[in-house]
Amino acid sequence: MSVLARKGDFVLTASEVNPVVRALRSHDIEITALHNEEPRLFFMHFLANDEVSKLARGLEEALRHVNRKRE
């Protein structure tokens, strides 16, 4: 089993915050900070220390809730 420690950030709109929180928490990814700025964007910081495949699944699920350009 490969284990990975990873820190990261999301920049989110208000409607994206709760779905991303649920996705990260459901995969035991810790949210270390959440703050907002003007224009109304939220900056979410996370920390994970777990099996690589579990971390990948959690981040993949969180990204599904982010309104980003999909190619």
PDB file of N, CA and C in Angstrom:
ATOM      1  N   MET A   1       0.843  -1.172   0.000  1.00  0.00           N
ATOM      2  CA  MET A   1       0.000   0.000   0.000  1.00  0.00           C
ATOM      3  C   MET A   1       0.892   1.241   0.000  1.00  0.00           C
ATOM      4  N   SER A   2       0.647   2.145  -0.936  1.00  0.00           N
ATOM      5  CA  SER A   2       1.369   3.414  -0.996  1.00  0.00           C
ATOM      6  C   SER A   2       0.575   4.481  -0.261  1.00  0.00           C
ATOM      7  N   VAL A   3       1.263   5.230   0.601  1.00  0.00           N
ATOM      8  CA  VAL A   3       0.623   6.303   1.362  1.00  0.00           C
ATOM      9  C   VAL A   3       1.225   7.624   0.913  1.00  0.00           C
ATOM     10  N   LEU A   4       0.379   8.643   0.847  1.00  0.00           N
ATOM     11  CA  LEU A   4       0.799   9.952   0.378  1.00  0.00           C
ATOM     12  C   LEU A   4       0.281  11.020   1.325  1.00  0.00           C
ATOM     13  N   ALA A   5       1.123  11.971   1.676  1.00  0.00           N
ATOM     14  CA  ALA A   5       0.695  13.161   2.412  1.00  0.00           C
ATOM     15  C   ALA A   5       0.613  14.292   1.400  1.00  0.00           C
ATOM     16  N   ARG A   6      -0.511  14.996   1.409  1.00  0.00           N
ATOM     17  CA  ARG A   6      -0.730  16.019   0.389  1.00  0.00           C
ATOM     18  C   ARG A   6      -1.483  17.202   0.968  1.00  0.00           C
ATOM     19  N   LYS A   7      -1.020  18.408   0.649  1.00  0.00           N
ATOM     20  CA  LYS A   7      -1.746  19.635   0.961  1.00  0.00           C
ATOM     21  C   LYS A   7      -2.228  20.212  -0.356  1.00  0.00           C
ATOM     22  N   GLY A   8      -3.337  20.930  -0.314  1.00  0.00           N
ATOM     23  CA  GLY A   8      -3.818  21.535  -1.539  1.00  0.00           C
ATOM     24  C   GLY A   8      -4.849  22.604  -1.281  1.00  0.00           C
ATOM     25  N   ASP A   9      -5.303  23.217  -2.353  1.00  0.00           N
ATOM     26  CA  ASP A   9      -6.241  24.330  -2.276  1.00  0.00           C
ATOM     27  C   ASP A   9      -7.281  24.222  -3.379  1.00  0.00           C
ATOM     28  N   PHE A  10      -8.462  24.729  -3.070  1.00  0.00           N
ATOM     29  CA  PHE A  10      -9.513  24.927  -4.055  1.00  0.00           C
ATOM     30  C   PHE A  10      -9.921  26.389  -3.995  1.00  0.00           C
ATOM     31  N   VAL A  11     -10.283  26.967  -5.124  1.00  0.00           N
ATOM     32  CA  VAL A  11     -10.930  28.274  -5.177  1.00  0.00           C
ATOM     33  C   VAL A  11     -12.345  28.004  -5.670  1.00  0.00           C
ATOM     34  N   LEU A  12     -13.335  28.367  -4.844  1.00  0.00           N
ATOM     35  CA  LEU A  12     -14.709  27.940  -5.082  1.00  0.00           C
ATOM     36  C   LEU A  12     -15.685  29.103  -5.052  1.00  0.00           C
ATOM     37  N   THR A  13     -16.812  28.916  -5.726  1.00  0.00           N
ATOM     38  CA  THR A  13     -17.933  29.832  -5.568  1.00  0.00           C
ATOM     39  C   THR A  13     -18.752  29.351  -4.375  1.00  0.00           C
ATOM     40  N   ALA A  14     -19.670  30.182  -3.902  1.00  0.00           N
ATOM     41  CA  ALA A  14     -20.473  29.838  -2.724  1.00  0.00           C
ATOM     42  C   ALA A  14     -21.236  28.528  -2.922  1.00  0.00           C
ATOM     43  N   SER A  15     -21.780  28.303  -4.097  1.00  0.00           N
ATOM     44  CA  SER A  15     -22.576  27.092  -4.331  1.00  0.00           C
ATOM     45  C   SER A  15     -21.723  25.825  -4.398  1.00  0.00           C
ATOM     46  N   GLU A  16     -20.431  25.961  -4.576  1.00  0.00           N
ATOM     47  CA  GLU A  16     -19.545  24.794  -4.665  1.00  0.00           C
ATOM     48  C   GLU A  16     -19.010  24.354  -3.305  1.00  0.00           C
ATOM     49  N   VAL A  17     -19.045  25.235  -2.304  1.00  0.00           N
ATOM     50  CA  VAL A  17     -18.386  24.958  -1.026  1.00  0.00           C
ATOM     51  C   VAL A  17     -18.921  23.689  -0.364  1.00  0.00           C
ATOM     52  N   ASN A  18     -20.221  23.608  -0.092  1.00  0.00           N
ATOM     53  CA  ASN A  18     -20.754  22.457   0.649  1.00  0.00           C
ATOM     54  C   ASN A  18     -20.574  21.127  -0.073  1.00  0.00           C
ATOM     55  N   PRO A  19     -20.832  21.034  -1.381  1.00  0.00           N
ATOM     56  CA  PRO A  19     -20.585  19.753  -2.055  1.00  0.00           C
ATOM     57  C   PRO A  19     -19.117  19.317  -1.996  1.00  0.00           C
ATOM     58  N   VAL A  20     -18.196  20.260  -2.115  1.00  0.00           N
ATOM     59  CA  VAL A  20     -16.773  19.919  -2.052  1.00  0.00           C
ATOM     60  C   VAL A  20     -16.398  19.497  -0.632  1.00  0.00           C
ATOM     61  N   VAL A  21     -16.924  20.192   0.377  1.00  0.00           N
ATOM     62  CA  VAL A  21     -16.686  19.797   1.774  1.00  0.00           C
ATOM     63  C   VAL A  21     -17.140  18.359   1.995  1.00  0.00           C
ATOM     64  N   ARG A  22     -18.351  18.042   1.563  1.00  0.00           N
ATOM     65  CA  ARG A  22     -18.875  16.674   1.749  1.00  0.00           C
ATOM     66  C   ARG A  22     -18.003  15.646   1.034  1.00  0.00           C
ATOM     67  N   ALA A  23     -17.586  15.951  -0.185  1.00  0.00           N
ATOM     68  CA  ALA A  23     -16.761  15.012  -0.950  1.00  0.00           C
ATOM     69  C   ALA A  23     -15.430  14.763  -0.257  1.00  0.00           C
ATOM     70  N   LEU A  24     -14.771  15.817   0.188  1.00  0.00           N
ATOM     71  CA  LEU A  24     -13.473  15.644   0.845  1.00  0.00           C
ATOM     72  C   LEU A  24     -13.622  14.891   2.158  1.00  0.00           C
ATOM     73  N   ARG A  25     -14.583  15.292   2.971  1.00  0.00           N
ATOM     74  CA  ARG A  25     -14.769  14.633   4.271  1.00  0.00           C
ATOM     75  C   ARG A  25     -15.147  13.170   4.127  1.00  0.00           C
ATOM     76  N   SER A  26     -15.911  12.832   3.099  1.00  0.00           N
ATOM     77  CA  SER A  26     -16.314  11.431   2.921  1.00  0.00           C
ATOM     78  C   SER A  26     -15.127  10.533   2.587  1.00  0.00           C
ATOM     79  N   HIS A  27     -14.001  11.137   2.206  1.00  0.00           N
ATOM     80  CA  HIS A  27     -12.779  10.389   1.916  1.00  0.00           C
ATOM     81  C   HIS A  27     -11.683  10.698   2.938  1.00  0.00           C
ATOM     82  N   ASP A  28     -12.105  11.183   4.112  1.00  0.00           N
ATOM     83  CA  ASP A  28     -11.184  11.471   5.228  1.00  0.00           C
ATOM     84  C   ASP A  28     -10.099  12.479   4.867  1.00  0.00           C
ATOM     85  N   ILE A  29     -10.437  13.425   4.007  1.00  0.00           N
ATOM     86  CA  ILE A  29      -9.520  14.509   3.679  1.00  0.00           C
ATOM     87  C   ILE A  29      -9.892  15.687   4.566  1.00  0.00           C
ATOM     88  N   GLU A  30      -8.931  16.164   5.337  1.00  0.00           N
ATOM     89  CA  GLU A  30      -9.166  17.208   6.333  1.00  0.00           C
ATOM     90  C   GLU A  30      -9.169  18.593   5.689  1.00  0.00           C
ATOM     91  N   ILE A  31     -10.179  19.380   6.002  1.00  0.00           N
ATOM     92  CA  ILE A  31     -10.227  20.772   5.563  1.00  0.00           C
ATOM     93  C   ILE A  31      -9.549  21.589   6.647  1.00  0.00           C
ATOM     94  N   THR A  32      -8.472  22.255   6.303  1.00  0.00           N
ATOM     95  CA  THR A  32      -7.683  22.971   7.305  1.00  0.00           C
ATOM     96  C   THR A  32      -8.038  24.446   7.395  1.00  0.00           C
ATOM     97  N   ALA A  33      -8.664  24.999   6.376  1.00  0.00           N
ATOM     98  CA  ALA A  33      -9.077  26.403   6.420  1.00  0.00           C
ATOM     99  C   ALA A  33     -10.078  26.667   5.309  1.00  0.00           C
ATOM    100  N   LEU A  34     -10.959  27.616   5.571  1.00  0.00           N
ATOM    101  CA  LEU A  34     -11.912  28.080   4.567  1.00  0.00           C
ATOM    102  C   LEU A  34     -12.136  29.564   4.821  1.00  0.00           C
ATOM    103  N   HIS A  35     -11.853  30.384   3.833  1.00  0.00           N
ATOM    104  CA  HIS A  35     -12.068  31.823   3.991  1.00  0.00           C
ATOM    105  C   HIS A  35     -12.519  32.401   2.666  1.00  0.00           C
ATOM    106  N   ASN A  36     -13.125  33.580   2.737  1.00  0.00           N
ATOM    107  CA  ASN A  36     -13.617  34.184   1.499  1.00  0.00           C
ATOM    108  C   ASN A  36     -13.026  35.566   1.304  1.00  0.00           C
ATOM    109  N   GLU A  37     -13.085  36.003   0.077  1.00  0.00           N
ATOM    110  CA  GLU A  37     -12.544  37.296  -0.346  1.00  0.00           C
ATOM    111  C   GLU A  37     -13.562  37.964  -1.264  1.00  0.00           C
ATOM    112  N   GLU A  38     -13.259  39.165  -1.676  1.00  0.00           N
ATOM    113  CA  GLU A  38     -14.059  39.869  -2.679  1.00  0.00           C
ATOM    114  C   GLU A  38     -13.243  39.918  -3.960  1.00  0.00           C
ATOM    115  N   PRO A  39     -13.806  39.599  -5.128  1.00  0.00           N
ATOM    116  CA  PRO A  39     -15.188  39.170  -5.323  1.00  0.00           C
ATOM    117  C   PRO A  39     -15.449  37.872  -4.571  1.00  0.00           C
ATOM    118  N   ARG A  40     -16.684  37.540  -4.408  1.00  0.00           N
ATOM    119  CA  ARG A  40     -17.106  36.459  -3.522  1.00  0.00           C
ATOM    120  C   ARG A  40     -16.595  35.104  -4.011  1.00  0.00           C
ATOM    121  N   LEU A  41     -15.393  34.789  -3.604  1.00  0.00           N
ATOM    122  CA  LEU A  41     -14.775  33.491  -3.859  1.00  0.00           C
ATOM    123  C   LEU A  41     -14.324  32.919  -2.528  1.00  0.00           C
ATOM    124  N   PHE A  42     -14.342  31.603  -2.412  1.00  0.00           N
ATOM    125  CA  PHE A  42     -13.934  30.925  -1.189  1.00  0.00           C
ATOM    126  C   PHE A  42     -12.650  30.149  -1.454  1.00  0.00           C
ATOM    127  N   PHE A  43     -11.727  30.253  -0.533  1.00  0.00           N
ATOM    128  CA  PHE A  43     -10.448  29.562  -0.631  1.00  0.00           C
ATOM    129  C   PHE A  43     -10.434  28.460   0.414  1.00  0.00           C
ATOM    130  N   MET A  44     -10.394  27.206  -0.037  1.00  0.00           N
ATOM    131  CA  MET A  44     -10.428  26.048   0.848  1.00  0.00           C
ATOM    132  C   MET A  44      -9.073  25.352   0.782  1.00  0.00           C
ATOM    133  N   HIS A  45      -8.486  25.127   1.932  1.00  0.00           N
ATOM    134  CA  HIS A  45      -7.207  24.439   2.038  1.00  0.00           C
ATOM    135  C   HIS A  45      -7.458  23.070   2.651  1.00  0.00           C
ATOM    136  N   PHE A  46      -6.755  22.059   2.167  1.00  0.00           N
ATOM    137  CA  PHE A  46      -6.971  20.712   2.693  1.00  0.00           C
ATOM    138  C   PHE A  46      -5.644  20.009   2.930  1.00  0.00           C
ATOM    139  N   LEU A  47      -5.732  18.956   3.726  1.00  0.00           N
ATOM    140  CA  LEU A  47      -4.580  18.119   4.053  1.00  0.00           C
ATOM    141  C   LEU A  47      -5.041  16.674   4.064  1.00  0.00           C
ATOM    142  N   ALA A  48      -4.288  15.806   3.435  1.00  0.00           N
ATOM    143  CA  ALA A  48      -4.609  14.383   3.412  1.00  0.00           C
ATOM    144  C   ALA A  48      -3.341  13.582   3.655  1.00  0.00           C
ATOM    145  N   ASN A  49      -3.490  12.499   4.350  1.00  0.00           N
ATOM    146  CA  ASN A  49      -2.384  11.581   4.611  1.00  0.00           C
ATOM    147  C   ASN A  49      -2.984  10.184   4.602  1.00  0.00           C
ATOM    148  N   ASP A  50      -3.047   9.586   3.430  1.00  0.00           N
ATOM    149  CA  ASP A  50      -3.757   8.323   3.292  1.00  0.00           C
ATOM    150  C   ASP A  50      -3.233   7.565   2.076  1.00  0.00           C
ATOM    151  N   GLU A  51      -3.868   6.458   1.819  1.00  0.00           N
ATOM    152  CA  GLU A  51      -3.539   5.630   0.666  1.00  0.00           C
ATOM    153  C   GLU A  51      -3.746   6.445  -0.617  1.00  0.00           C
ATOM    154  N   VAL A  52      -2.830   6.307  -1.542  1.00  0.00           N
ATOM    155  CA  VAL A  52      -2.843   7.093  -2.777  1.00  0.00           C
ATOM    156  C   VAL A  52      -4.172   6.955  -3.514  1.00  0.00           C
ATOM    157  N   SER A  53      -4.669   5.745  -3.679  1.00  0.00           N
ATOM    158  CA  SER A  53      -5.905   5.555  -4.442  1.00  0.00           C
ATOM    159  C   SER A  53      -7.100   6.188  -3.735  1.00  0.00           C
ATOM    160  N   LYS A  54      -7.133   6.148  -2.406  1.00  0.00           N
ATOM    161  CA  LYS A  54      -8.235   6.774  -1.661  1.00  0.00           C
ATOM    162  C   LYS A  54      -8.181   8.288  -1.815  1.00  0.00           C
ATOM    163  N   LEU A  55      -6.992   8.855  -1.734  1.00  0.00           N
ATOM    164  CA  LEU A  55      -6.828  10.295  -1.927  1.00  0.00           C
ATOM    165  C   LEU A  55      -7.261  10.693  -3.336  1.00  0.00           C
ATOM    166  N   ALA A  56      -6.865   9.930  -4.322  1.00  0.00           N
ATOM    167  CA  ALA A  56      -7.236  10.228  -5.710  1.00  0.00           C
ATOM    168  C   ALA A  56      -8.746  10.194  -5.892  1.00  0.00           C
ATOM    169  N   ARG A  57      -9.414   9.209  -5.306  1.00  0.00           N
ATOM    170  CA  ARG A  57     -10.874   9.125  -5.410  1.00  0.00           C
ATOM    171  C   ARG A  57     -11.535  10.332  -4.750  1.00  0.00           C
ATOM    172  N   GLY A  58     -11.027  10.744  -3.604  1.00  0.00           N
ATOM    173  CA  GLY A  58     -11.596  11.892  -2.907  1.00  0.00           C
ATOM    174  C   GLY A  58     -11.442  13.182  -3.688  1.00  0.00           C
ATOM    175  N   LEU A  59     -10.266  13.401  -4.238  1.00  0.00           N
ATOM    176  CA  LEU A  59     -10.048  14.618  -5.024  1.00  0.00           C
ATOM    177  C   LEU A  59     -10.856  14.593  -6.317  1.00  0.00           C
ATOM    178  N   GLU A  60     -10.960  13.421  -6.925  1.00  0.00           N
ATOM    179  CA  GLU A  60     -11.765  13.296  -8.138  1.00  0.00           C
ATOM    180  C   GLU A  60     -13.227  13.630  -7.847  1.00  0.00           C
ATOM    181  N   GLU A  61     -13.746  13.113  -6.738  1.00  0.00           N
ATOM    182  CA  GLU A  61     -15.134  13.406  -6.376  1.00  0.00           C
ATOM    183  C   GLU A  61     -15.321  14.894  -6.097  1.00  0.00           C
ATOM    184  N   ALA A  62     -14.392  15.502  -5.377  1.00  0.00           N
ATOM    185  CA  ALA A  62     -14.489  16.934  -5.080  1.00  0.00           C
ATOM    186  C   ALA A  62     -14.481  17.753  -6.369  1.00  0.00           C
ATOM    187  N   LEU A  63     -13.624  17.398  -7.305  1.00  0.00           N
ATOM    188  CA  LEU A  63     -13.533  18.152  -8.558  1.00  0.00           C
ATOM    189  C   LEU A  63     -14.811  18.071  -9.385  1.00  0.00           C
ATOM    190  N   ARG A  64     -15.591  17.014  -9.205  1.00  0.00           N
ATOM    191  CA  ARG A  64     -16.866  16.915  -9.923  1.00  0.00           C
ATOM    192  C   ARG A  64     -17.830  18.026  -9.516  1.00  0.00           C
ATOM    193  N   HIS A  65     -17.612  18.617  -8.353  1.00  0.00           N
ATOM    194  CA  HIS A  65     -18.504  19.657  -7.839  1.00  0.00           C
ATOM    195  C   HIS A  65     -17.994  21.063  -8.121  1.00  0.00           C
ATOM    196  N   VAL A  66     -16.899  21.169  -8.832  1.00  0.00           N
ATOM    197  CA  VAL A  66     -16.311  22.466  -9.143  1.00  0.00           C
ATOM    198  C   VAL A  66     -16.671  22.820 -10.578  1.00  0.00           C
ATOM    199  N   ASN A  67     -17.194  24.018 -10.767  1.00  0.00           N
ATOM    200  CA  ASN A  67     -17.596  24.476 -12.090  1.00  0.00           C
ATOM    201  C   ASN A  67     -16.351  24.894 -12.860  1.00  0.00           C
ATOM    202  N   ARG A  68     -15.793  23.957 -13.575  1.00  0.00           N
ATOM    203  CA  ARG A  68     -14.587  24.229 -14.339  1.00  0.00           C
ATOM    204  C   ARG A  68     -14.833  23.850 -15.789  1.00  0.00           C
ATOM    205  N   LYS A  69     -14.047  24.405 -16.658  1.00  0.00           N
ATOM    206  CA  LYS A  69     -14.181  24.080 -18.074  1.00  0.00           C
ATOM    207  C   LYS A  69     -13.791  22.627 -18.279  1.00  0.00           C
ATOM    208  N   ARG A  70     -14.684  21.882 -18.882  1.00  0.00           N
ATOM    209  CA  ARG A  70     -14.418  20.472 -19.154  1.00  0.00           C
ATOM    210  C   ARG A  70     -14.173  20.302 -20.648  1.00  0.00           C
ATOM    211  N   GLU A  71     -13.128  19.587 -20.973  1.00  0.00           N
ATOM    212  CA  GLU A  71     -12.774  19.421 -22.384  1.00  0.00           C
ATOM    213  C   GLU A  71     -13.191  18.071 -22.878  1.00  0.00           C
TER     214      GLU A  71
END
